[in-house]
Amino acid sequence: MKVDLKGLSPISSAIEQVTGRRPNLSTCWRWSTKGIQNIRLETVVLGGKRMTTIAMVEAFIRATTDARNASYKTQFIAPTKAREKQIAKASADLSAKLSKKRTKAKA
């Protein structure tokens, strides 16, 4: 794997430059080893220390955001006939209860 080594910095410094907030050391370790939703922050080991670049952090943030947004997309599933009957019954029951409350309040 060929990595552009220009702009390498410690993980926490690179994240801070991108986000404006200095992350906890455990966050840096988790993002580079476990990742978020199986997406890991790309790092290189230089002199026994894990390093990354701003571009790698930006790519990580973009990928995790896309993955999170994709998981929020939902499809509309039409209710079955049995479910439509349950909904109609619940609606009728609610209407009946509301009308009873209205008649009690007027009396």
PDB file of N, CA and C in Angstrom:
ATOM      1  N   MET A   1       0.851  -1.173   0.000  1.00  0.00           N
ATOM      2  CA  MET A   1       0.000   0.000   0.000  1.00  0.00           C
ATOM      3  C   MET A   1       0.892   1.230   0.000  1.00  0.00           C
ATOM      4  N   LYS A   2       0.718   2.080  -0.950  1.00  0.00           N
ATOM      5  CA  LYS A   2       1.502   3.302  -1.023  1.00  0.00           C
ATOM      6  C   LYS A   2       0.720   4.426  -0.344  1.00  0.00           C
ATOM      7  N   VAL A   3       1.350   5.065   0.628  1.00  0.00           N
ATOM      8  CA  VAL A   3       0.708   6.108   1.411  1.00  0.00           C
ATOM      9  C   VAL A   3       1.468   7.403   1.208  1.00  0.00           C
ATOM     10  N   ASP A   4       0.742   8.487   1.008  1.00  0.00           N
ATOM     11  CA  ASP A   4       1.359   9.799   0.916  1.00  0.00           C
ATOM     12  C   ASP A   4       1.776  10.216   2.320  1.00  0.00           C
ATOM     13  N   LEU A   5       3.066  10.285   2.573  1.00  0.00           N
ATOM     14  CA  LEU A   5       3.573  10.563   3.911  1.00  0.00           C
ATOM     15  C   LEU A   5       3.684  12.052   4.208  1.00  0.00           C
ATOM     16  N   LYS A   6       3.312  12.890   3.268  1.00  0.00           N
ATOM     17  CA  LYS A   6       3.364  14.332   3.517  1.00  0.00           C
ATOM     18  C   LYS A   6       2.239  14.722   4.460  1.00  0.00           C
ATOM     19  N   GLY A   7       2.561  15.531   5.422  1.00  0.00           N
ATOM     20  CA  GLY A   7       1.550  16.037   6.333  1.00  0.00           C
ATOM     21  C   GLY A   7       1.187  15.083   7.452  1.00  0.00           C
ATOM     22  N   LEU A   8       2.040  14.089   7.733  1.00  0.00           N
ATOM     23  CA  LEU A   8       1.745  13.179   8.834  1.00  0.00           C
ATOM     24  C   LEU A   8       1.827  13.907  10.165  1.00  0.00           C
ATOM     25  N   SER A   9       0.885  13.580  11.046  1.00  0.00           N
ATOM     26  CA  SER A   9       0.903  14.141  12.391  1.00  0.00           C
ATOM     27  C   SER A   9       0.237  13.138  13.319  1.00  0.00           C
ATOM     28  N   PRO A  10       0.425  13.290  14.622  1.00  0.00           N
ATOM     29  CA  PRO A  10      -0.259  12.388  15.549  1.00  0.00           C
ATOM     30  C   PRO A  10      -1.773  12.425  15.318  1.00  0.00           C
ATOM     31  N   ILE A  11      -2.418  11.306  15.586  1.00  0.00           N
ATOM     32  CA  ILE A  11      -3.847  11.172  15.303  1.00  0.00           C
ATOM     33  C   ILE A  11      -4.658  12.292  15.951  1.00  0.00           C
ATOM     34  N   SER A  12      -4.407  12.545  17.234  1.00  0.00           N
ATOM     35  CA  SER A  12      -5.213  13.549  17.938  1.00  0.00           C
ATOM     36  C   SER A  12      -5.019  14.941  17.343  1.00  0.00           C
ATOM     37  N   SER A  13      -3.801  15.247  16.901  1.00  0.00           N
ATOM     38  CA  SER A  13      -3.546  16.563  16.298  1.00  0.00           C
ATOM     39  C   SER A  13      -4.266  16.707  14.962  1.00  0.00           C
ATOM     40  N   ALA A  14      -4.232  15.645  14.155  1.00  0.00           N
ATOM     41  CA  ALA A  14      -4.903  15.702  12.849  1.00  0.00           C
ATOM     42  C   ALA A  14      -6.411  15.854  13.027  1.00  0.00           C
ATOM     43  N   ILE A  15      -6.985  15.106  13.982  1.00  0.00           N
ATOM     44  CA  ILE A  15      -8.421  15.211  14.224  1.00  0.00           C
ATOM     45  C   ILE A  15      -8.763  16.611  14.721  1.00  0.00           C
ATOM     46  N   GLU A  16      -7.930  17.153  15.579  1.00  0.00           N
ATOM     47  CA  GLU A  16      -8.171  18.502  16.102  1.00  0.00           C
ATOM     48  C   GLU A  16      -8.111  19.548  14.990  1.00  0.00           C
ATOM     49  N   GLN A  17      -7.206  19.387  14.054  1.00  0.00           N
ATOM     50  CA  GLN A  17      -7.108  20.343  12.946  1.00  0.00           C
ATOM     51  C   GLN A  17      -8.352  20.307  12.070  1.00  0.00           C
ATOM     52  N   VAL A  18      -8.951  19.125  11.930  1.00  0.00           N
ATOM     53  CA  VAL A  18     -10.139  18.999  11.084  1.00  0.00           C
ATOM     54  C   VAL A  18     -11.398  19.446  11.818  1.00  0.00           C
ATOM     55  N   THR A  19     -11.545  19.013  13.069  1.00  0.00           N
ATOM     56  CA  THR A  19     -12.807  19.250  13.786  1.00  0.00           C
ATOM     57  C   THR A  19     -12.781  20.471  14.701  1.00  0.00           C
ATOM     58  N   GLY A  20     -11.582  20.904  15.081  1.00  0.00           N
ATOM     59  CA  GLY A  20     -11.486  22.024  16.008  1.00  0.00           C
ATOM     60  C   GLY A  20     -11.583  21.583  17.460  1.00  0.00           C
ATOM     61  N   ARG A  21     -11.711  20.294  17.694  1.00  0.00           N
ATOM     62  CA  ARG A  21     -11.805  19.758  19.053  1.00  0.00           C
ATOM     63  C   ARG A  21     -10.765  18.663  19.219  1.00  0.00           C
ATOM     64  N   ARG A  22     -10.079  18.671  20.344  1.00  0.00           N
ATOM     65  CA  ARG A  22      -9.079  17.646  20.605  1.00  0.00           C
ATOM     66  C   ARG A  22      -9.781  16.412  21.184  1.00  0.00           C
ATOM     67  N   PRO A  23      -9.675  15.270  20.507  1.00  0.00           N
ATOM     68  CA  PRO A  23     -10.360  14.065  20.977  1.00  0.00           C
ATOM     69  C   PRO A  23      -9.599  13.399  22.125  1.00  0.00           C
ATOM     70  N   ASN A  24     -10.305  12.574  22.864  1.00  0.00           N
ATOM     71  CA  ASN A  24      -9.685  11.776  23.906  1.00  0.00           C
ATOM     72  C   ASN A  24      -8.786  10.736  23.254  1.00  0.00           C
ATOM     73  N   LEU A  25      -7.743  10.343  23.947  1.00  0.00           N
ATOM     74  CA  LEU A  25      -6.809   9.354  23.424  1.00  0.00           C
ATOM     75  C   LEU A  25      -7.513   8.038  23.100  1.00  0.00           C
ATOM     76  N   SER A  26      -8.489   7.645  23.931  1.00  0.00           N
ATOM     77  CA  SER A  26      -9.211   6.394  23.675  1.00  0.00           C
ATOM     78  C   SER A  26     -10.024   6.477  22.387  1.00  0.00           C
ATOM     79  N   THR A  27     -10.510   7.662  22.062  1.00  0.00           N
ATOM     80  CA  THR A  27     -11.253   7.844  20.807  1.00  0.00           C
ATOM     81  C   THR A  27     -10.323   7.631  19.620  1.00  0.00           C
ATOM     82  N   CYS A  28      -9.146   8.196  19.684  1.00  0.00           N
ATOM     83  CA  CYS A  28      -8.161   8.026  18.607  1.00  0.00           C
ATOM     84  C   CYS A  28      -7.826   6.554  18.412  1.00  0.00           C
ATOM     85  N   TRP A  29      -7.583   5.860  19.513  1.00  0.00           N
ATOM     86  CA  TRP A  29      -7.245   4.439  19.446  1.00  0.00           C
ATOM     87  C   TRP A  29      -8.407   3.632  18.864  1.00  0.00           C
ATOM     88  N   ARG A  30      -9.623   3.909  19.330  1.00  0.00           N
ATOM     89  CA  ARG A  30     -10.802   3.176  18.858  1.00  0.00           C
ATOM     90  C   ARG A  30     -11.039   3.409  17.370  1.00  0.00           C
ATOM     91  N   TRP A  31     -10.938   4.663  16.925  1.00  0.00           N
ATOM     92  CA  TRP A  31     -11.166   4.961  15.509  1.00  0.00           C
ATOM     93  C   TRP A  31     -10.140   4.262  14.622  1.00  0.00           C
ATOM     94  N   SER A  32      -8.898   4.127  15.097  1.00  0.00           N
ATOM     95  CA  SER A  32      -7.862   3.525  14.263  1.00  0.00           C
ATOM     96  C   SER A  32      -7.831   2.005  14.360  1.00  0.00           C
ATOM     97  N   THR A  33      -8.365   1.411  15.425  1.00  0.00           N
ATOM     98  CA  THR A  33      -8.332  -0.041  15.546  1.00  0.00           C
ATOM     99  C   THR A  33      -9.677  -0.698  15.266  1.00  0.00           C
ATOM    100  N   LYS A  34     -10.723  -0.256  15.922  1.00  0.00           N
ATOM    101  CA  LYS A  34     -12.055  -0.846  15.731  1.00  0.00           C
ATOM    102  C   LYS A  34     -12.853  -0.103  14.675  1.00  0.00           C
ATOM    103  N   GLY A  35     -12.744   1.207  14.680  1.00  0.00           N
ATOM    104  CA  GLY A  35     -13.497   2.014  13.741  1.00  0.00           C
ATOM    105  C   GLY A  35     -14.927   2.247  14.193  1.00  0.00           C
ATOM    106  N   ILE A  36     -15.695   2.811  13.290  1.00  0.00           N
ATOM    107  CA  ILE A  36     -17.119   3.057  13.501  1.00  0.00           C
ATOM    108  C   ILE A  36     -17.844   2.374  12.351  1.00  0.00           C
ATOM    109  N   GLN A  37     -18.758   1.492  12.681  1.00  0.00           N
ATOM    110  CA  GLN A  37     -19.500   0.721  11.674  1.00  0.00           C
ATOM    111  C   GLN A  37     -18.547   0.063  10.670  1.00  0.00           C
ATOM    112  N   ASN A  38     -17.493  -0.547  11.204  1.00  0.00           N
ATOM    113  CA  ASN A  38     -16.470  -1.251  10.413  1.00  0.00           C
ATOM    114  C   ASN A  38     -15.687  -0.344   9.462  1.00  0.00           C
ATOM    115  N   ILE A  39     -15.671   0.934   9.723  1.00  0.00           N
ATOM    116  CA  ILE A  39     -14.863   1.871   8.945  1.00  0.00           C
ATOM    117  C   ILE A  39     -13.779   2.383   9.877  1.00  0.00           C
ATOM    118  N   ARG A  40     -12.517   2.117   9.530  1.00  0.00           N
ATOM    119  CA  ARG A  40     -11.412   2.515  10.397  1.00  0.00           C
ATOM    120  C   ARG A  40     -10.673   3.716   9.829  1.00  0.00           C
ATOM    121  N   LEU A  41     -10.159   4.522  10.751  1.00  0.00           N
ATOM    122  CA  LEU A  41      -9.315   5.652  10.384  1.00  0.00           C
ATOM    123  C   LEU A  41      -7.985   5.091   9.896  1.00  0.00           C
ATOM    124  N   GLU A  42      -7.595   5.474   8.703  1.00  0.00           N
ATOM    125  CA  GLU A  42      -6.340   4.999   8.138  1.00  0.00           C
ATOM    126  C   GLU A  42      -5.171   5.645   8.878  1.00  0.00           C
ATOM    127  N   THR A  43      -4.224   4.821   9.299  1.00  0.00           N
ATOM    128  CA  THR A  43      -3.057   5.319  10.011  1.00  0.00           C
ATOM    129  C   THR A  43      -1.817   4.609   9.504  1.00  0.00           C
ATOM    130  N   VAL A  44      -0.658   5.174   9.811  1.00  0.00           N
ATOM    131  CA  VAL A  44       0.633   4.528   9.569  1.00  0.00           C
ATOM    132  C   VAL A  44       1.412   4.570  10.869  1.00  0.00           C
ATOM    133  N   VAL A  45       2.323   3.622  11.028  1.00  0.00           N
ATOM    134  CA  VAL A  45       3.162   3.594  12.218  1.00  0.00           C
ATOM    135  C   VAL A  45       4.518   4.162  11.832  1.00  0.00           C
ATOM    136  N   LEU A  46       4.915   5.187  12.551  1.00  0.00           N
ATOM    137  CA  LEU A  46       6.188   5.854  12.284  1.00  0.00           C
ATOM    138  C   LEU A  46       6.910   6.012  13.613  1.00  0.00           C
ATOM    139  N   GLY A  47       8.027   5.321  13.754  1.00  0.00           N
ATOM    140  CA  GLY A  47       8.778   5.398  15.003  1.00  0.00           C
ATOM    141  C   GLY A  47       8.012   4.861  16.190  1.00  0.00           C
ATOM    142  N   GLY A  48       7.162   3.859  15.960  1.00  0.00           N
ATOM    143  CA  GLY A  48       6.397   3.258  17.036  1.00  0.00           C
ATOM    144  C   GLY A  48       5.135   4.023  17.402  1.00  0.00           C
ATOM    145  N   LYS A  49       4.849   5.109  16.710  1.00  0.00           N
ATOM    146  CA  LYS A  49       3.645   5.900  16.995  1.00  0.00           C
ATOM    147  C   LYS A  49       2.725   5.886  15.786  1.00  0.00           C
ATOM    148  N   ARG A  50       1.442   5.833  16.060  1.00  0.00           N
ATOM    149  CA  ARG A  50       0.453   5.885  14.971  1.00  0.00           C
ATOM    150  C   ARG A  50       0.276   7.319  14.530  1.00  0.00           C
ATOM    151  N   MET A  51       0.316   7.512  13.237  1.00  0.00           N
ATOM    152  CA  MET A  51       0.192   8.842  12.644  1.00  0.00           C
ATOM    153  C   MET A  51      -0.857   8.782  11.542  1.00  0.00           C
ATOM    154  N   THR A  52      -1.384   9.937  11.204  1.00  0.00           N
ATOM    155  CA  THR A  52      -2.362  10.040  10.130  1.00  0.00           C
ATOM    156  C   THR A  52      -2.231  11.419   9.497  1.00  0.00           C
ATOM    157  N   THR A  53      -3.002  11.656   8.463  1.00  0.00           N
ATOM    158  CA  THR A  53      -2.992  12.958   7.799  1.00  0.00           C
ATOM    159  C   THR A  53      -4.382  13.569   7.877  1.00  0.00           C
ATOM    160  N   ILE A  54      -4.451  14.832   7.579  1.00  0.00           N
ATOM    161  CA  ILE A  54      -5.738  15.523   7.557  1.00  0.00           C
ATOM    162  C   ILE A  54      -6.648  14.905   6.507  1.00  0.00           C
ATOM    163  N   ALA A  55      -6.077  14.550   5.356  1.00  0.00           N
ATOM    164  CA  ALA A  55      -6.879  13.939   4.287  1.00  0.00           C
ATOM    165  C   ALA A  55      -7.480  12.617   4.739  1.00  0.00           C
ATOM    166  N   MET A  56      -6.703  11.827   5.494  1.00  0.00           N
ATOM    167  CA  MET A  56      -7.219  10.546   5.990  1.00  0.00           C
ATOM    168  C   MET A  56      -8.347  10.761   6.996  1.00  0.00           C
ATOM    169  N   VAL A  57      -8.216  11.759   7.855  1.00  0.00           N
ATOM    170  CA  VAL A  57      -9.268  12.062   8.832  1.00  0.00           C
ATOM    171  C   VAL A  57     -10.527  12.534   8.111  1.00  0.00           C
ATOM    172  N   GLU A  58     -10.363  13.411   7.122  1.00  0.00           N
ATOM    173  CA  GLU A  58     -11.522  13.889   6.368  1.00  0.00           C
ATOM    174  C   GLU A  58     -12.215  12.743   5.647  1.00  0.00           C
ATOM    175  N   ALA A  59     -11.440  11.815   5.072  1.00  0.00           N
ATOM    176  CA  ALA A  59     -12.029  10.657   4.389  1.00  0.00           C
ATOM    177  C   ALA A  59     -12.779   9.771   5.381  1.00  0.00           C
ATOM    178  N   PHE A  60     -12.219   9.594   6.576  1.00  0.00           N
ATOM    179  CA  PHE A  60     -12.868   8.800   7.619  1.00  0.00           C
ATOM    180  C   PHE A  60     -14.194   9.432   8.033  1.00  0.00           C
ATOM    181  N   ILE A  61     -14.187  10.718   8.267  1.00  0.00           N
ATOM    182  CA  ILE A  61     -15.409  11.415   8.682  1.00  0.00           C
ATOM    183  C   ILE A  61     -16.464  11.333   7.581  1.00  0.00           C
ATOM    184  N   ARG A  62     -16.046  11.534   6.350  1.00  0.00           N
ATOM    185  CA  ARG A  62     -16.976  11.452   5.215  1.00  0.00           C
ATOM    186  C   ARG A  62     -17.572  10.044   5.113  1.00  0.00           C
ATOM    187  N   ALA A  63     -16.737   9.012   5.245  1.00  0.00           N
ATOM    188  CA  ALA A  63     -17.202   7.628   5.111  1.00  0.00           C
ATOM    189  C   ALA A  63     -18.150   7.246   6.243  1.00  0.00           C
ATOM    190  N   THR A  64     -17.831   7.644   7.476  1.00  0.00           N
ATOM    191  CA  THR A  64     -18.717   7.300   8.594  1.00  0.00           C
ATOM    192  C   THR A  64     -20.035   8.059   8.515  1.00  0.00           C
ATOM    193  N   THR A  65     -19.987   9.289   8.042  1.00  0.00           N
ATOM    194  CA  THR A  65     -21.220  10.058   7.873  1.00  0.00           C
ATOM    195  C   THR A  65     -22.100   9.426   6.809  1.00  0.00           C
ATOM    196  N   ASP A  66     -21.505   9.034   5.687  1.00  0.00           N
ATOM    197  CA  ASP A  66     -22.276   8.383   4.628  1.00  0.00           C
ATOM    198  C   ASP A  66     -22.887   7.073   5.118  1.00  0.00           C
ATOM    199  N   ALA A  67     -22.113   6.308   5.886  1.00  0.00           N
ATOM    200  CA  ALA A  67     -22.626   5.035   6.408  1.00  0.00           C
ATOM    201  C   ALA A  67     -23.782   5.274   7.375  1.00  0.00           C
ATOM    202  N   ARG A  68     -23.642   6.281   8.218  1.00  0.00           N
ATOM    203  CA  ARG A  68     -24.704   6.580   9.193  1.00  0.00           C
ATOM    204  C   ARG A  68     -25.955   7.067   8.468  1.00  0.00           C
ATOM    205  N   ASN A  69     -25.793   7.936   7.463  1.00  0.00           N
ATOM    206  CA  ASN A  69     -26.947   8.443   6.721  1.00  0.00           C
ATOM    207  C   ASN A  69     -27.644   7.324   5.955  1.00  0.00           C
ATOM    208  N   ALA A  70     -26.868   6.387   5.436  1.00  0.00           N
ATOM    209  CA  ALA A  70     -27.464   5.270   4.693  1.00  0.00           C
ATOM    210  C   ALA A  70     -28.291   4.393   5.618  1.00  0.00           C
ATOM    211  N   SER A  71     -27.878   4.257   6.877  1.00  0.00           N
ATOM    212  CA  SER A  71     -28.635   3.413   7.801  1.00  0.00           C
ATOM    213  C   SER A  71     -29.936   4.069   8.224  1.00  0.00           C
ATOM    214  N   TYR A  72     -30.065   5.390   8.070  1.00  0.00           N
ATOM    215  CA  TYR A  72     -31.288   6.081   8.449  1.00  0.00           C
ATOM    216  C   TYR A  72     -32.334   6.076   7.351  1.00  0.00           C
ATOM    217  N   LYS A  73     -31.946   5.720   6.143  1.00  0.00           N
ATOM    218  CA  LYS A  73     -32.916   5.695   5.058  1.00  0.00           C
ATOM    219  C   LYS A  73     -33.896   4.552   5.303  1.00  0.00           C
ATOM    220  N   THR A  74     -35.153   4.876   5.234  1.00  0.00           N
ATOM    221  CA  THR A  74     -36.168   3.856   5.455  1.00  0.00           C
ATOM    222  C   THR A  74     -37.086   3.777   4.248  1.00  0.00           C
ATOM    223  N   GLN A  75     -37.675   2.630   4.082  1.00  0.00           N
ATOM    224  CA  GLN A  75     -38.625   2.448   3.004  1.00  0.00           C
ATOM    225  C   GLN A  75     -40.018   2.342   3.604  1.00  0.00           C
ATOM    226  N   PHE A  76     -40.984   2.861   2.877  1.00  0.00           N
ATOM    227  CA  PHE A  76     -42.365   2.735   3.318  1.00  0.00           C
ATOM    228  C   PHE A  76     -42.857   1.352   2.941  1.00  0.00           C
ATOM    229  N   ILE A  77     -43.382   0.649   3.916  1.00  0.00           N
ATOM    230  CA  ILE A  77     -43.952  -0.669   3.678  1.00  0.00           C
ATOM    231  C   ILE A  77     -45.450  -0.555   3.922  1.00  0.00           C
ATOM    232  N   ALA A  78     -46.217  -0.857   2.916  1.00  0.00           N
ATOM    233  CA  ALA A  78     -47.671  -0.744   3.020  1.00  0.00           C
ATOM    234  C   ALA A  78     -48.188  -1.733   4.054  1.00  0.00           C
ATOM    235  N   PRO A  79     -49.138  -1.290   4.883  1.00  0.00           N
ATOM    236  CA  PRO A  79     -49.677  -2.196   5.902  1.00  0.00           C
ATOM    237  C   PRO A  79     -50.486  -3.325   5.266  1.00  0.00           C
ATOM    238  N   THR A  80     -50.508  -4.443   5.952  1.00  0.00           N
ATOM    239  CA  THR A  80     -51.294  -5.583   5.479  1.00  0.00           C
ATOM    240  C   THR A  80     -52.771  -5.332   5.791  1.00  0.00           C
ATOM    241  N   LYS A  81     -53.625  -6.183   5.257  1.00  0.00           N
ATOM    242  CA  LYS A  81     -55.066  -6.051   5.496  1.00  0.00           C
ATOM    243  C   LYS A  81     -55.382  -6.153   6.993  1.00  0.00           C
ATOM    244  N   ALA A  82     -54.720  -7.104   7.670  1.00  0.00           N
ATOM    245  CA  ALA A  82     -54.965  -7.268   9.115  1.00  0.00           C
ATOM    246  C   ALA A  82     -54.546  -6.005   9.868  1.00  0.00           C
ATOM    247  N   ARG A  83     -53.420  -5.427   9.482  1.00  0.00           N
ATOM    248  CA  ARG A  83     -52.946  -4.210  10.150  1.00  0.00           C
ATOM    249  C   ARG A  83     -53.890  -3.047   9.865  1.00  0.00           C
ATOM    250  N   GLU A  84     -54.409  -2.954   8.653  1.00  0.00           N
ATOM    251  CA  GLU A  84     -55.360  -1.893   8.318  1.00  0.00           C
ATOM    252  C   GLU A  84     -56.618  -2.013   9.186  1.00  0.00           C
ATOM    253  N   LYS A  85     -57.061  -3.254   9.454  1.00  0.00           N
ATOM    254  CA  LYS A  85     -58.222  -3.465  10.321  1.00  0.00           C
ATOM    255  C   LYS A  85     -57.915  -3.018  11.751  1.00  0.00           C
ATOM    256  N   GLN A  86     -56.707  -3.341  12.239  1.00  0.00           N
ATOM    257  CA  GLN A  86     -56.311  -2.924  13.584  1.00  0.00           C
ATOM    258  C   GLN A  86     -56.281  -1.402  13.693  1.00  0.00           C
ATOM    259  N   ILE A  87     -55.763  -0.753  12.662  1.00  0.00           N
ATOM    260  CA  ILE A  87     -55.684   0.711  12.665  1.00  0.00           C
ATOM    261  C   ILE A  87     -57.086   1.313  12.668  1.00  0.00           C
ATOM    262  N   ALA A  88     -57.983   0.766  11.835  1.00  0.00           N
ATOM    263  CA  ALA A  88     -59.355   1.276  11.770  1.00  0.00           C
ATOM    264  C   ALA A  88     -60.063   1.081  13.107  1.00  0.00           C
ATOM    265  N   LYS A  89     -59.874  -0.072  13.750  1.00  0.00           N
ATOM    266  CA  LYS A  89     -60.501  -0.345  15.051  1.00  0.00           C
ATOM    267  C   LYS A  89     -59.964   0.614  16.107  1.00  0.00           C
ATOM    268  N   ALA A  90     -58.647   0.819  16.130  1.00  0.00           N
ATOM    269  CA  ALA A  90     -58.049   1.726  17.109  1.00  0.00           C
ATOM    270  C   ALA A  90     -58.542   3.153  16.903  1.00  0.00           C
ATOM    271  N   SER A  91     -58.678   3.548  15.659  1.00  0.00           N
ATOM    272  CA  SER A  91     -59.180   4.888  15.355  1.00  0.00           C
ATOM    273  C   SER A  91     -60.619   5.051  15.814  1.00  0.00           C
ATOM    274  N   ALA A  92     -61.428   4.032  15.580  1.00  0.00           N
ATOM    275  CA  ALA A  92     -62.826   4.078  16.008  1.00  0.00           C
ATOM    276  C   ALA A  92     -62.918   4.110  17.535  1.00  0.00           C
ATOM    277  N   ASP A  93     -62.111   3.301  18.206  1.00  0.00           N
ATOM    278  CA  ASP A  93     -62.105   3.295  19.678  1.00  0.00           C
ATOM    279  C   ASP A  93     -61.701   4.660  20.221  1.00  0.00           C
ATOM    280  N   LEU A  94     -60.698   5.257  19.637  1.00  0.00           N
ATOM    281  CA  LEU A  94     -60.236   6.571  20.081  1.00  0.00           C
ATOM    282  C   LEU A  94     -61.316   7.619  19.866  1.00  0.00           C
ATOM    283  N   SER A  95     -61.981   7.574  18.716  1.00  0.00           N
ATOM    284  CA  SER A  95     -63.063   8.522  18.449  1.00  0.00           C
ATOM    285  C   SER A  95     -64.189   8.362  19.454  1.00  0.00           C
ATOM    286  N   ALA A  96     -64.504   7.124  19.804  1.00  0.00           N
ATOM    287  CA  ALA A  96     -65.578   6.876  20.770  1.00  0.00           C
ATOM    288  C   ALA A  96     -65.203   7.419  22.150  1.00  0.00           C
ATOM    289  N   LYS A  97     -63.964   7.196  22.568  1.00  0.00           N
ATOM    290  CA  LYS A  97     -63.518   7.705  23.870  1.00  0.00           C
ATOM    291  C   LYS A  97     -63.518   9.225  23.898  1.00  0.00           C
ATOM    292  N   LEU A  98     -63.082   9.836  22.824  1.00  0.00           N
ATOM    293  CA  LEU A  98     -63.054  11.301  22.766  1.00  0.00           C
ATOM    294  C   LEU A  98     -64.462  11.878  22.792  1.00  0.00           C
ATOM    295  N   SER A  99     -65.379  11.236  22.090  1.00  0.00           N
ATOM    296  CA  SER A  99     -66.756  11.748  22.087  1.00  0.00           C
ATOM    297  C   SER A  99     -67.399  11.589  23.468  1.00  0.00           C
ATOM    298  N   LYS A 100     -67.078  10.513  24.210  1.00  0.00           N
ATOM    299  CA  LYS A 100     -67.585  10.341  25.572  1.00  0.00           C
ATOM    300  C   LYS A 100     -67.046  11.430  26.486  1.00  0.00           C
ATOM    301  N   LYS A 101     -65.773  11.772  26.342  1.00  0.00           N
ATOM    302  CA  LYS A 101     -65.182  12.827  27.162  1.00  0.00           C
ATOM    303  C   LYS A 101     -65.835  14.165  26.867  1.00  0.00           C
ATOM    304  N   ARG A 102     -66.139  14.416  25.618  1.00  0.00           N
ATOM    305  CA  ARG A 102     -66.766  15.682  25.229  1.00  0.00           C
ATOM    306  C   ARG A 102     -68.167  15.787  25.814  1.00  0.00           C
ATOM    307  N   THR A 103     -68.924  14.683  25.794  1.00  0.00           N
ATOM    308  CA  THR A 103     -70.277  14.735  26.331  1.00  0.00           C
ATOM    309  C   THR A 103     -70.255  14.876  27.845  1.00  0.00           C
ATOM    310  N   LYS A 104     -69.291  14.262  28.531  1.00  0.00           N
ATOM    311  CA  LYS A 104     -69.156  14.418  29.972  1.00  0.00           C
ATOM    312  C   LYS A 104     -68.747  15.843  30.332  1.00  0.00           C
ATOM    313  N   ALA A 105     -67.891  16.441  29.528  1.00  0.00           N
ATOM    314  CA  ALA A 105     -67.430  17.806  29.804  1.00  0.00           C
ATOM    315  C   ALA A 105     -68.561  18.799  29.619  1.00  0.00           C
ATOM    316  N   LYS A 106     -69.471  18.564  28.675  1.00  0.00           N
ATOM    317  CA  LYS A 106     -70.590  19.482  28.437  1.00  0.00           C
ATOM    318  C   LYS A 106     -71.647  19.349  29.523  1.00  0.00           C
ATOM    319  N   ALA A 107     -71.771  18.171  30.113  1.00  0.00           N
ATOM    320  CA  ALA A 107     -72.817  17.926  31.115  1.00  0.00           C
ATOM    321  C   ALA A 107     -72.493  18.482  32.466  1.00  0.00           C
TER     322      ALA A 107
END
